[in-house]
N, C-alpha and C. Protein backbone atom coordinates (compact mmCIF):
# COMPACT_ATOMS: atom_id res chain seq x y z
N MET A 1 8.47 -74.04 70.64
CA MET A 1 9.21 -73.26 71.60
C MET A 1 8.26 -72.32 72.32
N HIS A 2 8.55 -72.12 73.58
CA HIS A 2 7.74 -71.26 74.43
C HIS A 2 8.50 -69.95 74.60
N GLU A 3 8.11 -69.12 75.55
CA GLU A 3 8.80 -67.85 75.80
C GLU A 3 10.28 -68.10 76.11
N LYS A 4 11.11 -67.23 75.62
CA LYS A 4 12.54 -67.23 75.88
C LYS A 4 13.20 -68.56 75.48
N GLY A 5 12.71 -69.20 74.44
CA GLY A 5 13.36 -70.40 73.93
C GLY A 5 13.09 -71.66 74.71
N GLU A 6 12.17 -71.63 75.68
CA GLU A 6 11.86 -72.83 76.45
C GLU A 6 11.03 -73.78 75.60
N ALA A 7 11.13 -75.05 75.87
CA ALA A 7 10.32 -76.04 75.18
C ALA A 7 8.88 -75.95 75.68
N VAL A 8 7.92 -76.26 74.82
CA VAL A 8 6.51 -76.22 75.19
C VAL A 8 6.23 -77.41 76.11
N PRO A 9 5.58 -77.17 77.26
CA PRO A 9 5.27 -78.27 78.16
C PRO A 9 4.38 -79.31 77.47
N ASP A 10 4.55 -80.58 77.87
CA ASP A 10 3.82 -81.68 77.25
C ASP A 10 2.32 -81.56 77.45
N HIS A 11 1.86 -81.04 78.60
CA HIS A 11 0.43 -80.99 78.85
C HIS A 11 -0.29 -80.05 77.87
N LEU A 12 0.41 -79.03 77.36
CA LEU A 12 -0.21 -78.14 76.39
C LEU A 12 -0.40 -78.85 75.05
N THR A 13 0.58 -79.61 74.64
CA THR A 13 0.43 -80.32 73.38
C THR A 13 -0.59 -81.45 73.50
N ILE A 14 -0.68 -82.09 74.64
CA ILE A 14 -1.68 -83.14 74.85
C ILE A 14 -3.08 -82.54 74.84
N GLU A 15 -3.24 -81.39 75.50
CA GLU A 15 -4.55 -80.72 75.49
C GLU A 15 -4.93 -80.30 74.08
N ARG A 16 -3.97 -79.77 73.36
CA ARG A 16 -4.24 -79.34 71.99
C ARG A 16 -4.59 -80.54 71.11
N GLU A 17 -3.88 -81.63 71.30
CA GLU A 17 -4.15 -82.82 70.51
C GLU A 17 -5.54 -83.37 70.80
N SER A 18 -5.94 -83.39 72.06
CA SER A 18 -7.28 -83.89 72.38
C SER A 18 -8.36 -82.95 71.83
N GLU A 19 -8.08 -81.66 71.84
CA GLU A 19 -9.02 -80.69 71.26
C GLU A 19 -9.17 -80.92 69.76
N LEU A 20 -8.06 -81.16 69.08
CA LEU A 20 -8.11 -81.42 67.65
C LEU A 20 -8.85 -82.72 67.35
N ARG A 21 -8.65 -83.74 68.18
CA ARG A 21 -9.36 -85.01 67.98
C ARG A 21 -10.87 -84.82 68.13
N ARG A 22 -11.29 -84.01 69.11
CA ARG A 22 -12.72 -83.73 69.28
C ARG A 22 -13.27 -83.02 68.05
N ASP A 23 -12.50 -82.06 67.52
CA ASP A 23 -12.95 -81.35 66.33
C ASP A 23 -13.10 -82.29 65.13
N VAL A 24 -12.12 -83.18 64.97
CA VAL A 24 -12.18 -84.13 63.86
C VAL A 24 -13.38 -85.05 64.00
N GLU A 25 -13.63 -85.54 65.21
CA GLU A 25 -14.79 -86.41 65.44
C GLU A 25 -16.09 -85.66 65.17
N ARG A 26 -16.16 -84.40 65.57
CA ARG A 26 -17.36 -83.60 65.33
C ARG A 26 -17.59 -83.41 63.84
N VAL A 27 -16.53 -83.14 63.10
CA VAL A 27 -16.66 -82.95 61.66
C VAL A 27 -17.07 -84.25 60.99
N ARG A 28 -16.51 -85.37 61.41
CA ARG A 28 -16.89 -86.65 60.82
C ARG A 28 -18.33 -86.99 61.15
N ASP A 29 -18.79 -86.63 62.35
CA ASP A 29 -20.19 -86.87 62.71
C ASP A 29 -21.13 -86.06 61.84
N ASP A 30 -20.67 -84.91 61.35
CA ASP A 30 -21.48 -84.07 60.48
C ASP A 30 -21.50 -84.59 59.04
N GLY A 31 -20.74 -85.65 58.78
CA GLY A 31 -20.72 -86.23 57.44
C GLY A 31 -19.79 -85.51 56.49
N VAL A 32 -18.82 -84.80 57.01
CA VAL A 32 -17.89 -84.05 56.18
C VAL A 32 -16.50 -84.61 56.40
N GLU A 33 -15.80 -84.86 55.32
CA GLU A 33 -14.44 -85.36 55.42
C GLU A 33 -13.50 -84.21 55.78
N THR A 34 -12.38 -84.53 56.42
CA THR A 34 -11.50 -83.48 56.89
C THR A 34 -10.38 -83.14 55.93
N THR A 35 -9.90 -84.07 55.15
CA THR A 35 -8.80 -83.79 54.25
C THR A 35 -9.07 -84.40 52.90
N GLN A 36 -8.34 -83.94 51.90
CA GLN A 36 -8.55 -84.47 50.56
C GLN A 36 -8.12 -85.92 50.45
N ASP A 37 -7.14 -86.35 51.23
CA ASP A 37 -6.68 -87.72 51.12
C ASP A 37 -7.47 -88.65 52.03
N SER A 38 -8.70 -88.29 52.33
CA SER A 38 -9.56 -89.12 53.16
C SER A 38 -10.26 -90.15 52.30
N SER A 39 -11.31 -90.73 52.83
CA SER A 39 -11.96 -91.85 52.17
C SER A 39 -12.55 -91.49 50.81
N ALA A 40 -12.94 -90.24 50.59
CA ALA A 40 -13.53 -89.86 49.30
C ALA A 40 -12.54 -90.09 48.17
N ILE A 41 -11.31 -89.69 48.36
CA ILE A 41 -10.30 -89.86 47.32
C ILE A 41 -9.87 -91.32 47.25
N ALA A 42 -9.79 -91.97 48.40
CA ALA A 42 -9.41 -93.38 48.41
C ALA A 42 -10.41 -94.23 47.65
N GLN A 43 -11.68 -93.83 47.64
CA GLN A 43 -12.71 -94.57 46.93
C GLN A 43 -12.79 -94.16 45.46
N GLY A 44 -11.99 -93.22 45.03
CA GLY A 44 -11.98 -92.80 43.64
C GLY A 44 -13.03 -91.76 43.29
N VAL A 45 -13.62 -91.11 44.28
CA VAL A 45 -14.60 -90.06 44.04
C VAL A 45 -13.85 -88.79 43.66
N SER A 46 -14.28 -88.14 42.57
CA SER A 46 -13.61 -86.91 42.19
C SER A 46 -14.03 -85.78 43.13
N VAL A 47 -13.09 -84.91 43.42
CA VAL A 47 -13.32 -83.80 44.34
C VAL A 47 -13.30 -82.50 43.54
N ASN A 48 -14.35 -81.71 43.66
CA ASN A 48 -14.43 -80.43 42.97
C ASN A 48 -13.51 -79.43 43.64
N THR A 49 -12.80 -78.67 42.83
CA THR A 49 -11.99 -77.58 43.35
C THR A 49 -12.41 -76.24 42.77
N ALA A 50 -13.30 -76.26 41.79
CA ALA A 50 -13.79 -75.03 41.16
C ALA A 50 -15.31 -74.97 41.30
N VAL A 51 -15.80 -73.77 41.51
CA VAL A 51 -17.24 -73.57 41.66
C VAL A 51 -17.92 -73.71 40.29
N HIS A 52 -19.04 -74.37 40.28
CA HIS A 52 -19.82 -74.56 39.05
C HIS A 52 -20.34 -73.22 38.55
N ASP A 53 -20.46 -73.08 37.24
CA ASP A 53 -20.96 -71.83 36.65
C ASP A 53 -22.37 -71.49 37.13
N GLY A 54 -23.16 -72.50 37.44
CA GLY A 54 -24.52 -72.26 37.92
C GLY A 54 -24.55 -71.52 39.24
N VAL A 55 -23.59 -71.81 40.11
CA VAL A 55 -23.51 -71.11 41.40
C VAL A 55 -23.20 -69.64 41.15
N PHE A 56 -22.29 -69.38 40.23
CA PHE A 56 -21.93 -68.01 39.90
C PHE A 56 -23.12 -67.26 39.31
N LYS A 57 -23.91 -67.95 38.48
CA LYS A 57 -25.10 -67.32 37.88
C LYS A 57 -26.16 -67.01 38.93
N ILE A 58 -26.34 -67.91 39.89
CA ILE A 58 -27.29 -67.64 40.98
C ILE A 58 -26.83 -66.43 41.78
N PHE A 59 -25.54 -66.38 42.09
CA PHE A 59 -24.95 -65.28 42.84
C PHE A 59 -25.18 -63.95 42.11
N MET A 60 -24.89 -63.93 40.80
CA MET A 60 -25.10 -62.71 40.01
C MET A 60 -26.58 -62.36 39.92
N GLY A 61 -27.43 -63.36 39.77
CA GLY A 61 -28.86 -63.12 39.67
C GLY A 61 -29.43 -62.49 40.93
N LEU A 62 -28.93 -62.91 42.08
CA LEU A 62 -29.41 -62.33 43.34
C LEU A 62 -29.04 -60.85 43.43
N PHE A 63 -27.83 -60.50 43.02
CA PHE A 63 -27.45 -59.09 43.04
C PHE A 63 -28.21 -58.29 41.98
N ALA A 64 -28.47 -58.89 40.83
CA ALA A 64 -29.28 -58.21 39.81
C ALA A 64 -30.70 -57.98 40.32
N ALA A 65 -31.23 -58.94 41.06
CA ALA A 65 -32.58 -58.78 41.64
C ALA A 65 -32.60 -57.64 42.64
N ILE A 66 -31.55 -57.53 43.44
CA ILE A 66 -31.47 -56.43 44.41
C ILE A 66 -31.49 -55.08 43.69
N LEU A 67 -30.68 -54.96 42.63
CA LEU A 67 -30.66 -53.70 41.87
C LEU A 67 -32.01 -53.43 41.21
N ALA A 68 -32.66 -54.47 40.70
CA ALA A 68 -33.98 -54.29 40.07
C ALA A 68 -35.02 -53.84 41.09
N ILE A 69 -34.97 -54.39 42.29
CA ILE A 69 -35.91 -53.99 43.34
C ILE A 69 -35.67 -52.53 43.72
N PHE A 70 -34.41 -52.15 43.85
CA PHE A 70 -34.11 -50.74 44.13
C PHE A 70 -34.62 -49.84 43.01
N TYR A 71 -34.42 -50.26 41.76
CA TYR A 71 -34.89 -49.45 40.64
C TYR A 71 -36.41 -49.29 40.67
N LEU A 72 -37.12 -50.39 40.90
CA LEU A 72 -38.58 -50.32 40.94
C LEU A 72 -39.07 -49.42 42.08
N THR A 73 -38.34 -49.42 43.18
CA THR A 73 -38.75 -48.61 44.32
C THR A 73 -38.44 -47.13 44.13
N PHE A 74 -37.28 -46.83 43.57
CA PHE A 74 -36.82 -45.44 43.51
C PHE A 74 -36.79 -44.86 42.10
N SER A 75 -37.50 -45.45 41.15
CA SER A 75 -37.40 -45.00 39.75
C SER A 75 -38.01 -43.62 39.51
N HIS A 76 -38.76 -43.09 40.45
CA HIS A 76 -39.37 -41.77 40.27
C HIS A 76 -38.37 -40.62 40.46
N ASP A 77 -37.22 -40.89 41.05
CA ASP A 77 -36.23 -39.84 41.32
C ASP A 77 -35.00 -40.05 40.43
N ALA A 78 -34.67 -39.06 39.61
CA ALA A 78 -33.57 -39.17 38.65
C ALA A 78 -32.22 -39.34 39.33
N GLU A 79 -32.01 -38.64 40.44
CA GLU A 79 -30.73 -38.74 41.14
C GLU A 79 -30.52 -40.15 41.70
N THR A 80 -31.58 -40.74 42.21
CA THR A 80 -31.48 -42.09 42.75
C THR A 80 -31.23 -43.11 41.64
N VAL A 81 -31.88 -42.92 40.51
CA VAL A 81 -31.66 -43.81 39.37
C VAL A 81 -30.21 -43.71 38.91
N PHE A 82 -29.64 -42.50 38.94
CA PHE A 82 -28.23 -42.31 38.60
C PHE A 82 -27.34 -43.12 39.54
N MET A 83 -27.63 -43.09 40.83
CA MET A 83 -26.84 -43.85 41.81
C MET A 83 -27.00 -45.36 41.61
N ILE A 84 -28.21 -45.79 41.26
CA ILE A 84 -28.42 -47.21 40.98
C ILE A 84 -27.63 -47.61 39.73
N GLY A 85 -27.55 -46.70 38.76
CA GLY A 85 -26.73 -46.95 37.57
C GLY A 85 -25.26 -47.12 37.91
N ILE A 86 -24.77 -46.29 38.83
CA ILE A 86 -23.38 -46.42 39.27
C ILE A 86 -23.18 -47.77 39.96
N CYS A 87 -24.13 -48.17 40.79
CA CYS A 87 -24.04 -49.48 41.45
C CYS A 87 -24.05 -50.61 40.42
N ALA A 88 -24.87 -50.46 39.39
CA ALA A 88 -24.94 -51.47 38.33
C ALA A 88 -23.60 -51.56 37.59
N PHE A 89 -22.97 -50.40 37.35
CA PHE A 89 -21.66 -50.39 36.71
C PHE A 89 -20.63 -51.13 37.57
N TYR A 90 -20.62 -50.87 38.87
CA TYR A 90 -19.69 -51.57 39.76
C TYR A 90 -19.97 -53.07 39.79
N CYS A 91 -21.25 -53.45 39.74
CA CYS A 91 -21.58 -54.88 39.69
C CYS A 91 -21.06 -55.51 38.40
N LEU A 92 -21.22 -54.80 37.28
CA LEU A 92 -20.68 -55.32 36.02
C LEU A 92 -19.17 -55.51 36.10
N MET A 93 -18.48 -54.57 36.70
CA MET A 93 -17.03 -54.70 36.84
C MET A 93 -16.67 -55.84 37.80
N TYR A 94 -17.41 -55.94 38.90
CA TYR A 94 -17.15 -56.96 39.91
C TYR A 94 -17.36 -58.36 39.35
N PHE A 95 -18.44 -58.55 38.60
CA PHE A 95 -18.73 -59.87 38.05
C PHE A 95 -18.08 -60.08 36.69
N GLY A 96 -17.87 -59.02 35.94
CA GLY A 96 -17.31 -59.15 34.61
C GLY A 96 -15.83 -59.46 34.57
N THR A 97 -15.08 -58.93 35.53
CA THR A 97 -13.63 -59.15 35.54
C THR A 97 -13.28 -60.63 35.63
N PRO A 98 -13.85 -61.41 36.56
CA PRO A 98 -13.51 -62.84 36.58
C PRO A 98 -13.94 -63.58 35.32
N ILE A 99 -15.06 -63.16 34.73
CA ILE A 99 -15.52 -63.82 33.50
C ILE A 99 -14.52 -63.58 32.37
N VAL A 100 -14.08 -62.33 32.22
CA VAL A 100 -13.12 -62.00 31.17
C VAL A 100 -11.79 -62.71 31.41
N LEU A 101 -11.31 -62.72 32.65
CA LEU A 101 -10.04 -63.37 32.95
C LEU A 101 -10.11 -64.88 32.71
N ARG A 102 -11.24 -65.48 33.04
CA ARG A 102 -11.38 -66.92 32.83
C ARG A 102 -11.38 -67.26 31.34
N ARG A 103 -12.08 -66.44 30.56
CA ARG A 103 -12.12 -66.69 29.11
C ARG A 103 -10.78 -66.41 28.45
N ALA A 104 -10.01 -65.48 29.02
CA ALA A 104 -8.71 -65.14 28.43
C ALA A 104 -7.64 -66.17 28.77
N SER A 105 -7.84 -66.94 29.83
CA SER A 105 -6.82 -67.91 30.21
C SER A 105 -6.81 -69.07 29.23
N ARG A 106 -5.68 -69.68 29.10
CA ARG A 106 -5.55 -70.81 28.19
C ARG A 106 -5.97 -72.12 28.85
N GLU A 107 -6.08 -72.09 30.15
CA GLU A 107 -6.45 -73.29 30.89
C GLU A 107 -7.95 -73.54 30.74
N LYS A 108 -8.30 -74.72 30.30
CA LYS A 108 -9.70 -75.08 30.12
C LYS A 108 -10.19 -75.83 31.35
N ARG A 109 -11.37 -75.43 31.82
CA ARG A 109 -11.96 -76.09 32.98
C ARG A 109 -12.88 -77.20 32.53
N GLU A 110 -12.97 -78.22 33.37
CA GLU A 110 -13.88 -79.32 33.12
C GLU A 110 -15.30 -78.87 33.47
N ASN A 111 -16.21 -79.00 32.52
CA ASN A 111 -17.60 -78.62 32.77
C ASN A 111 -18.36 -79.83 33.28
N LYS A 112 -18.69 -79.80 34.57
CA LYS A 112 -19.44 -80.90 35.17
C LYS A 112 -20.92 -80.59 35.11
N ASP A 113 -21.70 -81.65 35.19
CA ASP A 113 -23.15 -81.51 35.26
C ASP A 113 -23.52 -80.89 36.61
N TRP A 114 -24.64 -80.15 36.64
CA TRP A 114 -25.09 -79.47 37.85
C TRP A 114 -25.31 -80.46 38.99
N THR A 115 -25.97 -81.58 38.70
CA THR A 115 -26.24 -82.56 39.76
C THR A 115 -24.96 -83.22 40.25
N GLU A 116 -23.99 -83.42 39.36
CA GLU A 116 -22.70 -83.96 39.78
C GLU A 116 -22.02 -83.00 40.75
N PHE A 117 -22.04 -81.71 40.42
CA PHE A 117 -21.41 -80.72 41.30
C PHE A 117 -22.06 -80.73 42.68
N LEU A 118 -23.39 -80.78 42.72
CA LEU A 118 -24.10 -80.74 44.00
C LEU A 118 -23.84 -81.98 44.84
N ASP A 119 -23.67 -83.13 44.19
CA ASP A 119 -23.52 -84.39 44.92
C ASP A 119 -22.08 -84.70 45.32
N GLU A 120 -21.11 -84.25 44.54
CA GLU A 120 -19.72 -84.58 44.82
C GLU A 120 -19.13 -83.68 45.90
N PRO A 121 -18.07 -84.15 46.54
CA PRO A 121 -17.39 -83.32 47.55
C PRO A 121 -16.74 -82.10 46.90
N PHE A 122 -16.67 -81.02 47.66
CA PHE A 122 -16.06 -79.78 47.21
C PHE A 122 -14.94 -79.44 48.18
N SER A 123 -13.75 -79.19 47.66
CA SER A 123 -12.58 -78.95 48.49
C SER A 123 -12.48 -77.48 48.89
N THR A 124 -12.33 -77.24 50.20
CA THR A 124 -12.09 -75.90 50.72
C THR A 124 -10.80 -75.93 51.53
N ASN A 125 -10.38 -74.78 52.02
CA ASN A 125 -9.16 -74.73 52.83
C ASN A 125 -9.30 -75.48 54.14
N THR A 126 -10.53 -75.65 54.61
CA THR A 126 -10.74 -76.31 55.90
C THR A 126 -11.17 -77.76 55.75
N GLY A 127 -11.25 -78.26 54.54
CA GLY A 127 -11.62 -79.65 54.34
C GLY A 127 -12.65 -79.79 53.23
N LEU A 128 -13.30 -80.95 53.20
CA LEU A 128 -14.28 -81.23 52.16
C LEU A 128 -15.69 -80.95 52.66
N ILE A 129 -16.49 -80.36 51.77
CA ILE A 129 -17.91 -80.15 52.04
C ILE A 129 -18.66 -80.63 50.79
N SER A 130 -19.96 -80.75 50.89
CA SER A 130 -20.72 -81.15 49.71
C SER A 130 -20.91 -79.94 48.79
N GLY A 131 -21.22 -80.20 47.53
CA GLY A 131 -21.48 -79.11 46.59
C GLY A 131 -22.69 -78.30 47.01
N ARG A 132 -23.68 -78.96 47.61
CA ARG A 132 -24.87 -78.25 48.09
C ARG A 132 -24.49 -77.27 49.20
N THR A 133 -23.60 -77.70 50.09
CA THR A 133 -23.16 -76.82 51.17
C THR A 133 -22.36 -75.65 50.60
N ALA A 134 -21.55 -75.91 49.58
CA ALA A 134 -20.80 -74.81 48.94
C ALA A 134 -21.76 -73.81 48.32
N LEU A 135 -22.79 -74.30 47.64
CA LEU A 135 -23.80 -73.42 47.06
C LEU A 135 -24.47 -72.59 48.14
N LEU A 136 -24.83 -73.23 49.23
CA LEU A 136 -25.49 -72.52 50.34
C LEU A 136 -24.57 -71.46 50.93
N GLN A 137 -23.30 -71.81 51.16
CA GLN A 137 -22.37 -70.86 51.77
C GLN A 137 -22.11 -69.66 50.87
N ILE A 138 -22.10 -69.88 49.57
CA ILE A 138 -21.83 -68.78 48.64
C ILE A 138 -23.05 -67.87 48.47
N CYS A 139 -24.24 -68.45 48.44
CA CYS A 139 -25.44 -67.68 48.08
C CYS A 139 -26.32 -67.27 49.24
N ILE A 140 -26.01 -67.66 50.46
CA ILE A 140 -26.92 -67.34 51.57
C ILE A 140 -26.92 -65.84 51.90
N VAL A 141 -25.77 -65.20 51.85
CA VAL A 141 -25.72 -63.77 52.18
C VAL A 141 -26.44 -62.93 51.11
N PRO A 142 -26.18 -63.15 49.81
CA PRO A 142 -26.96 -62.38 48.83
C PRO A 142 -28.46 -62.66 48.89
N ALA A 143 -28.84 -63.90 49.19
CA ALA A 143 -30.27 -64.22 49.31
C ALA A 143 -30.88 -63.49 50.50
N ALA A 144 -30.17 -63.46 51.62
CA ALA A 144 -30.67 -62.74 52.80
C ALA A 144 -30.75 -61.25 52.52
N LEU A 145 -29.77 -60.71 51.81
CA LEU A 145 -29.82 -59.29 51.44
C LEU A 145 -31.01 -59.00 50.54
N ALA A 146 -31.29 -59.89 49.59
CA ALA A 146 -32.43 -59.68 48.69
C ALA A 146 -33.73 -59.68 49.47
N ILE A 147 -33.87 -60.59 50.43
CA ILE A 147 -35.08 -60.63 51.26
C ILE A 147 -35.21 -59.35 52.07
N CYS A 148 -34.11 -58.89 52.64
CA CYS A 148 -34.14 -57.64 53.43
C CYS A 148 -34.48 -56.44 52.55
N VAL A 149 -33.91 -56.39 51.36
CA VAL A 149 -34.18 -55.28 50.44
C VAL A 149 -35.66 -55.28 50.04
N ILE A 150 -36.21 -56.46 49.80
CA ILE A 150 -37.65 -56.54 49.48
C ILE A 150 -38.47 -55.96 50.64
N GLY A 151 -38.14 -56.36 51.86
CA GLY A 151 -38.86 -55.85 53.03
C GLY A 151 -38.74 -54.35 53.18
N ILE A 152 -37.54 -53.84 53.03
CA ILE A 152 -37.31 -52.40 53.16
C ILE A 152 -38.06 -51.63 52.07
N CYS A 153 -38.00 -52.13 50.85
CA CYS A 153 -38.66 -51.43 49.74
C CYS A 153 -40.18 -51.51 49.84
N VAL A 154 -40.71 -52.60 50.39
CA VAL A 154 -42.16 -52.68 50.61
C VAL A 154 -42.58 -51.64 51.64
N VAL A 155 -41.82 -51.49 52.71
CA VAL A 155 -42.12 -50.48 53.72
C VAL A 155 -42.06 -49.09 53.12
N ILE A 156 -41.05 -48.83 52.31
CA ILE A 156 -40.93 -47.51 51.66
C ILE A 156 -42.12 -47.26 50.74
N ALA A 157 -42.50 -48.27 49.95
CA ALA A 157 -43.62 -48.10 49.02
C ALA A 157 -44.93 -47.89 49.77
N LEU A 158 -45.13 -48.57 50.88
CA LEU A 158 -46.36 -48.41 51.65
C LEU A 158 -46.42 -47.09 52.41
N SER A 159 -45.27 -46.51 52.70
CA SER A 159 -45.25 -45.26 53.45
C SER A 159 -45.43 -44.03 52.55
N ARG A 160 -45.46 -44.20 51.25
CA ARG A 160 -45.63 -43.06 50.33
C ARG A 160 -47.06 -42.63 50.25
C-alpha cells in the first residue's frame, strides 16, 4: 500500500525486483550463497550457526594484547595502572558472562574441527558466508585496534 491506502504502482515493484536480482547475482558472483535452502544444503553440506571457540579465543586474545600493550606503556604511573585494571575487570565481565552462561546451559554444542569451521558455510542474517569470512569479520576490528594501539604506544615511548 502507498500513501492514503493507494496500491503501489507496478513500476516501483518491477524496479525493486530488478534491483534485488542484481544484488543476488552480485552475491552469487562473489561465491556466497544467499539463503540456507540454497545449493549448500541441497548438497548435504552442514551449515554452521555457532561461532567456533577458536574465533572467540582469538577475539579475547586481541583484547588481552591491547591491555598488555597499555600496561607495558603506562606501568610507571600507579593511577594509569589502576585504570587499566578497571578495563581488565570490564573485559573479564564482557568475555566471562557468555562463557558462564554457555557452560550453565543444558544444551550441548557440537564441537567441530577448526578446519571444518573455516571451510564450511556459516549462516548469518544476510545469507551464507565462509567460516574464514566470519573469522575475518569478527576479528578485523580488534586486530586493527591492536595495530593502532601498538603505533600509539610506540610514539608515546619514543617521546619520553
